[in-house]
C-alpha atoms as a PDB file:
ATOM      1  CA  MET A   1     -40.493  -0.123 -10.091  1.00  0.00           C
ATOM      2  CA  GLN A   2     -37.893  -0.384  -7.281  1.00  0.00           C
ATOM      3  CA  PRO A   3     -34.959  -1.393  -9.584  1.00  0.00           C
ATOM      4  CA  GLN A   4     -35.549   1.667 -11.792  1.00  0.00           C
ATOM      5  CA  LYS A   5     -35.374   4.001  -8.758  1.00  0.00           C
ATOM      6  CA  ILE A   6     -32.080   2.365  -7.640  1.00  0.00           C
ATOM      7  CA  LEU A   7     -30.596   2.699 -11.182  1.00  0.00           C
ATOM      8  CA  LEU A   8     -31.780   6.370 -11.479  1.00  0.00           C
ATOM      9  CA  SER A   9     -30.351   7.251  -8.060  1.00  0.00           C
ATOM     10  CA  THR A  10     -27.055   5.549  -8.903  1.00  0.00           C
ATOM     11  CA  ALA A  11     -26.854   7.445 -12.210  1.00  0.00           C
ATOM     12  CA  LEU A  12     -27.507  10.790 -10.593  1.00  0.00           C
ATOM     13  CA  THR A  13     -24.965  10.056  -7.845  1.00  0.00           C
ATOM     14  CA  LEU A  14     -22.262   9.117 -10.355  1.00  0.00           C
ATOM     15  CA  SER A  15     -23.032  12.128 -12.480  1.00  0.00           C
ATOM     16  CA  CYS A  16     -22.098  14.340  -9.515  1.00  0.00           C
ATOM     17  CA  PHE A  17     -18.594  12.834  -9.558  1.00  0.00           C
ATOM     18  CA  LEU A  18     -18.113  13.060 -13.303  1.00  0.00           C
ATOM     19  CA  PRO A  19     -16.313  16.396 -13.296  1.00  0.00           C
ATOM     20  CA  LEU A  20     -13.926  15.069 -10.612  1.00  0.00           C
ATOM     21  CA  ALA A  21     -13.306  11.854 -12.499  1.00  0.00           C
ATOM     22  CA  GLN A  22     -12.377  13.734 -15.726  1.00  0.00           C
ATOM     23  CA  ALA A  23      -9.803  15.885 -13.854  1.00  0.00           C
ATOM     24  CA  GLU A  24      -6.149  15.048 -14.467  1.00  0.00           C
ATOM     25  CA  ASP A  25      -5.532  14.666 -10.774  1.00  0.00           C
ATOM     26  CA  TRP A  26      -6.213  10.906 -10.390  1.00  0.00           C
ATOM     27  CA  TYR A  27      -3.344   8.382 -10.586  1.00  0.00           C
ATOM     28  CA  ALA A  28      -2.879   4.612 -10.293  1.00  0.00           C
ATOM     29  CA  GLU A  29       0.231   2.589  -9.677  1.00  0.00           C
ATOM     30  CA  THR A  30       1.424  -1.004  -9.411  1.00  0.00           C
ATOM     31  CA  PHE A  31       4.489  -1.867  -7.409  1.00  0.00           C
ATOM     32  CA  ILE A  32       6.504  -4.696  -5.940  1.00  0.00           C
ATOM     33  CA  ALA A  33       7.824  -4.443  -2.361  1.00  0.00           C
ATOM     34  CA  GLY A  34      10.239  -6.134  -0.044  1.00  0.00           C
ATOM     35  CA  ILE A  35       9.027  -6.309   3.534  1.00  0.00           C
ATOM     36  CA  PHE A  36      11.207  -6.907   6.555  1.00  0.00           C
ATOM     37  CA  ALA A  37       9.047  -7.558   9.600  1.00  0.00           C
ATOM     38  CA  ASP A  38      10.126  -8.047  13.256  1.00  0.00           C
ATOM     39  CA  GLY A  39       7.769  -9.717  15.634  1.00  0.00           C
ATOM     40  CA  SER A  40       7.656  -8.493  19.181  1.00  0.00           C
ATOM     41  CA  ASP A  41       6.831 -11.011  21.935  1.00  0.00           C
ATOM     42  CA  GLY A  42       6.723 -13.781  19.221  1.00  0.00           C
ATOM     43  CA  ALA A  43       3.615 -12.252  17.558  1.00  0.00           C
ATOM     44  CA  ILE A  44       4.778 -13.147  14.066  1.00  0.00           C
ATOM     45  CA  GLY A  45       7.934 -15.132  14.917  1.00  0.00           C
ATOM     46  CA  PRO A  46      11.618 -14.226  15.121  1.00  0.00           C
ATOM     47  CA  ASP A  47      13.432 -11.127  14.039  1.00  0.00           C
ATOM     48  CA  GLN A  48      13.763 -10.146  10.372  1.00  0.00           C
ATOM     49  CA  ASN A  49      11.107 -12.119   8.497  1.00  0.00           C
ATOM     50  CA  GLU A  50      11.709 -11.203   4.877  1.00  0.00           C
ATOM     51  CA  MET A  51       8.751 -11.252   2.522  1.00  0.00           C
ATOM     52  CA  SER A  52       7.787  -9.757  -0.881  1.00  0.00           C
ATOM     53  CA  SER A  53       4.462  -8.395  -2.112  1.00  0.00           C
ATOM     54  CA  LEU A  54       2.679  -7.120  -5.160  1.00  0.00           C
ATOM     55  CA  GLY A  55       0.580  -3.977  -4.705  1.00  0.00           C
ATOM     56  CA  LEU A  56      -1.773  -1.442  -6.246  1.00  0.00           C
ATOM     57  CA  ARG A  57      -1.953   2.209  -5.177  1.00  0.00           C
ATOM     58  CA  GLY A  58      -4.418   4.870  -6.257  1.00  0.00           C
ATOM     59  CA  GLY A  59      -4.622   8.462  -5.388  1.00  0.00           C
ATOM     60  CA  TYR A  60      -6.131  11.880  -5.981  1.00  0.00           C
ATOM     61  CA  GLN A  61      -3.926  14.991  -6.002  1.00  0.00           C
ATOM     62  CA  LEU A  62      -5.877  17.623  -3.900  1.00  0.00           C
ATOM     63  CA  THR A  63      -3.369  20.445  -4.338  1.00  0.00           C
ATOM     64  CA  LYS A  64      -0.081  20.972  -6.260  1.00  0.00           C
ATOM     65  CA  ASN A  65       1.836  19.334  -3.427  1.00  0.00           C
ATOM     66  CA  PHE A  66      -0.700  17.204  -1.393  1.00  0.00           C
ATOM     67  CA  SER A  67      -2.507  14.025  -2.323  1.00  0.00           C
ATOM     68  CA  LEU A  68      -4.461  11.222  -0.706  1.00  0.00           C
ATOM     69  CA  GLU A  69      -3.567   7.615  -1.429  1.00  0.00           C
ATOM     70  CA  LEU A  70      -5.094   4.152  -0.887  1.00  0.00           C
ATOM     71  CA  GLU A  71      -3.067   1.032  -1.339  1.00  0.00           C
ATOM     72  CA  ALA A  72      -3.461  -2.757  -1.091  1.00  0.00           C
ATOM     73  CA  GLN A  73      -0.842  -5.491  -1.257  1.00  0.00           C
ATOM     74  CA  THR A  74      -0.754  -9.229  -1.263  1.00  0.00           C
ATOM     75  CA  GLY A  75       2.137 -11.521  -0.403  1.00  0.00           C
ATOM     76  CA  LEU A  76       3.749 -13.438  -3.285  1.00  0.00           C
ATOM     77  CA  ASP A  77       3.181 -17.202  -3.091  1.00  0.00           C
ATOM     78  CA  GLY A  78       6.289 -19.309  -2.462  1.00  0.00           C
ATOM     79  CA  ASP A  79       8.007 -16.365  -0.732  1.00  0.00           C
ATOM     80  CA  ARG A  80       7.792 -17.384   2.875  1.00  0.00           C
ATOM     81  CA  SER A  81       9.991 -16.743   5.910  1.00  0.00           C
ATOM     82  CA  TYR A  82      10.722 -19.630   8.275  1.00  0.00           C
ATOM     83  CA  ALA A  83       9.704 -18.884  11.862  1.00  0.00           C
ATOM     84  CA  LEU A  84      11.757 -20.941  14.363  1.00  0.00           C
ATOM     85  CA  GLY A  85       9.413 -23.470  16.025  1.00  0.00           C
ATOM     86  CA  LEU A  86       6.232 -22.064  14.331  1.00  0.00           C
ATOM     87  CA  GLY A  87       6.363 -22.892  10.641  1.00  0.00           C
ATOM     88  CA  GLU A  88       6.219 -20.453   7.753  1.00  0.00           C
ATOM     89  CA  ILE A  89       5.185 -16.839   7.751  1.00  0.00           C
ATOM     90  CA  ASN A  90       3.879 -14.939   4.710  1.00  0.00           C
ATOM     91  CA  LEU A  91       2.293 -11.525   4.152  1.00  0.00           C
ATOM     92  CA  HIS A  92      -1.439 -12.309   3.565  1.00  0.00           C
ATOM     93  CA  ALA A  93      -2.581  -8.767   2.793  1.00  0.00           C
ATOM     94  CA  ALA A  94      -1.680  -5.148   3.641  1.00  0.00           C
ATOM     95  CA  TYR A  95      -3.886  -1.997   3.303  1.00  0.00           C
ATOM     96  CA  GLY A  96      -3.124   1.634   3.835  1.00  0.00           C
ATOM     97  CA  LEU A  97      -4.531   5.195   3.658  1.00  0.00           C
ATOM     98  CA  PHE A  98      -1.949   7.911   3.357  1.00  0.00           C
ATOM     99  CA  GLY A  99      -1.444  11.611   2.965  1.00  0.00           C
ATOM    100  CA  LYS A 100       1.398  12.415   0.665  1.00  0.00           C
ATOM    101  CA  TYR A 101       3.285  15.755   0.454  1.00  0.00           C
ATOM    102  CA  SER A 102       5.530  16.166  -2.658  1.00  0.00           C
ATOM    103  CA  VAL A 103       8.271  18.678  -3.325  1.00  0.00           C
ATOM    104  CA  PRO A 104       9.453  19.087  -6.983  1.00  0.00           C
ATOM    105  CA  VAL A 105      13.210  19.101  -7.423  1.00  0.00           C
ATOM    106  CA  SER A 106      13.022  19.572 -11.245  1.00  0.00           C
ATOM    107  CA  ASP A 107      10.393  19.269 -14.006  1.00  0.00           C
ATOM    108  CA  ARG A 108      10.816  15.500 -13.999  1.00  0.00           C
ATOM    109  CA  PHE A 109      11.898  14.567 -10.525  1.00  0.00           C
ATOM    110  CA  SER A 110      10.246  15.011  -7.109  1.00  0.00           C
ATOM    111  CA  LEU A 111      10.650  13.885  -3.513  1.00  0.00           C
ATOM    112  CA  HIS A 112       7.775  13.024  -1.195  1.00  0.00           C
ATOM    113  CA  GLY A 113       6.931  12.110   2.381  1.00  0.00           C
ATOM    114  CA  ARG A 114       3.954   9.993   3.385  1.00  0.00           C
ATOM    115  CA  VAL A 115       2.120   9.400   6.656  1.00  0.00           C
ATOM    116  CA  GLY A 116      -1.071   7.384   7.313  1.00  0.00           C
ATOM    117  CA  LEU A 117      -2.760   4.330   8.723  1.00  0.00           C
ATOM    118  CA  ALA A 118      -1.685   0.779   7.698  1.00  0.00           C
ATOM    119  CA  SER A 119      -2.879  -2.703   8.484  1.00  0.00           C
ATOM    120  CA  ASN A 120      -0.722  -5.764   7.759  1.00  0.00           C
ATOM    121  CA  GLU A 121      -2.082  -9.326   7.927  1.00  0.00           C
ATOM    122  CA  TYR A 122       0.462 -12.124   8.308  1.00  0.00           C
ATOM    123  CA  LYS A 123      -0.402 -15.756   7.736  1.00  0.00           C
ATOM    124  CA  VAL A 124       1.440 -18.231   9.997  1.00  0.00           C
ATOM    125  CA  GLU A 125       1.313 -21.852   8.775  1.00  0.00           C
ATOM    126  CA  SER A 126       2.200 -24.207  11.623  1.00  0.00           C
ATOM    127  CA  ASN A 127       4.465 -27.208  11.194  1.00  0.00           C
ATOM    128  CA  LEU A 128       1.785 -29.208  13.010  1.00  0.00           C
ATOM    129  CA  GLY A 129      -0.944 -28.249  10.530  1.00  0.00           C
ATOM    130  CA  GLY A 130      -3.352 -25.330  10.581  1.00  0.00           C
ATOM    131  CA  GLU A 131      -2.854 -21.662  10.087  1.00  0.00           C
ATOM    132  CA  ILE A 132      -3.256 -18.407  11.967  1.00  0.00           C
ATOM    133  CA  ILE A 133      -3.730 -14.902  10.572  1.00  0.00           C
ATOM    134  CA  THR A 134      -2.480 -12.180  12.791  1.00  0.00           C
ATOM    135  CA  THR A 135      -3.025  -8.375  12.146  1.00  0.00           C
ATOM    136  CA  SER A 136      -0.755  -5.543  12.861  1.00  0.00           C
ATOM    137  CA  GLU A 137      -2.273  -2.055  12.642  1.00  0.00           C
ATOM    138  CA  SER A 138      -0.091   0.999  12.927  1.00  0.00           C
ATOM    139  CA  ILE A 139       0.724   4.509  11.862  1.00  0.00           C
ATOM    140  CA  ALA A 140       3.082   4.254   8.921  1.00  0.00           C
ATOM    141  CA  PHE A 141       5.441   6.863   7.500  1.00  0.00           C
ATOM    142  CA  GLY A 142       8.102   7.115   4.835  1.00  0.00           C
ATOM    143  CA  VAL A 143       9.779   8.911   2.033  1.00  0.00           C
ATOM    144  CA  GLY A 144      10.104   8.388  -1.649  1.00  0.00           C
ATOM    145  CA  THR A 145      10.943   9.726  -5.126  1.00  0.00           C
ATOM    146  CA  LYS A 146       9.170  10.002  -8.402  1.00  0.00           C
ATOM    147  CA  LEU A 147      10.632  10.336 -11.944  1.00  0.00           C
ATOM    148  CA  ASN A 148       8.285  11.501 -14.694  1.00  0.00           C
ATOM    149  CA  LEU A 149       8.919   9.642 -17.928  1.00  0.00           C
ATOM    150  CA  THR A 150       6.173  11.467 -19.869  1.00  0.00           C
ATOM    151  CA  ASP A 151       3.346  13.748 -18.905  1.00  0.00           C
ATOM    152  CA  SER A 152       1.271  10.725 -17.770  1.00  0.00           C
ATOM    153  CA  LEU A 153       3.794   7.877 -17.056  1.00  0.00           C
ATOM    154  CA  TYR A 154       6.261   7.828 -14.128  1.00  0.00           C
ATOM    155  CA  LEU A 155       8.406   5.563 -12.025  1.00  0.00           C
ATOM    156  CA  ARG A 156       8.282   5.681  -8.211  1.00  0.00           C
ATOM    157  CA  GLY A 157      10.249   4.338  -5.266  1.00  0.00           C
ATOM    158  CA  ASP A 158       9.344   4.381  -1.515  1.00  0.00           C
ATOM    159  CA  LEU A 159      10.848   3.463   1.830  1.00  0.00           C
ATOM    160  CA  MET A 160       8.160   2.959   4.554  1.00  0.00           C
ATOM    161  CA  GLN A 161       8.086   2.105   8.247  1.00  0.00           C
ATOM    162  CA  ASN A 162       5.232   0.667  10.201  1.00  0.00           C
ATOM    163  CA  ASN A 163       5.440   0.402  13.966  1.00  0.00           C
ATOM    164  CA  SER A 164       2.769  -1.409  15.995  1.00  0.00           C
ATOM    165  CA  VAL A 165       2.446  -3.306  19.198  1.00  0.00           C
ATOM    166  CA  SER A 166       2.606  -6.737  17.585  1.00  0.00           C
ATOM    167  CA  ALA A 167       5.089  -6.199  14.748  1.00  0.00           C
ATOM    168  CA  ASP A 168       7.381  -3.586  13.244  1.00  0.00           C
ATOM    169  CA  SER A 169       8.014  -3.676   9.496  1.00  0.00           C
ATOM    170  CA  ASN A 170      10.072  -1.747   7.017  1.00  0.00           C
ATOM    171  CA  SER A 171       9.430  -1.931   3.265  1.00  0.00           C
ATOM    172  CA  VAL A 172      11.181  -0.900   0.071  1.00  0.00           C
ATOM    173  CA  SER A 173       8.969  -0.576  -3.038  1.00  0.00           C
ATOM    174  CA  ILE A 174       9.451   0.274  -6.728  1.00  0.00           C
ATOM    175  CA  GLY A 175       6.719   0.724  -9.257  1.00  0.00           C
ATOM    176  CA  ALA A 176       5.221   2.494 -12.221  1.00  0.00           C
ATOM    177  CA  GLY A 177       2.273   4.704 -12.441  1.00  0.00           C
ATOM    178  CA  VAL A 178      -0.087   6.613 -14.765  1.00  0.00           C
ATOM    179  CA  ARG A 179      -1.867   9.918 -14.311  1.00  0.00           C
ATOM    180  CA  PHE A 180      -5.424  10.208 -15.719  1.00  0.00           C
END
């Protein structure tokens, strides 16, 4: 009897979100990024650790100009930065929650600004064996552009900056997305 109650309550809850899910305001993107991180006080090694990542981003457009976005990234294997005296550094994972404000320039082209919370995890593999994962949490902000290819497909580019106590990072990303 208990599993039936769980299934029924899940179905009722999901049905409340059905009108929202059918709206054309949802979007999903995939992107690649180059990340340039500077460790302060040796937190992730020397200046200018260069890494690359693959990411997914999803969002919901609340108004004509404002949307909320979630994103997740993972570092690409084999793309490591050498940290003097430490070993190799790689982006383990990155997560973010952003508010995005867009300004249309034309029917197909728009500019946007983003601000939100970000968390970057760096994996440091020691030359002596073993590894350490260090986390850098910060407020992140940036700007970007979007070019609509069709009514539902588009290309997007972003420049972002994350500043935290343990590490600062800048990133450049380019990707493609679809509106539902």
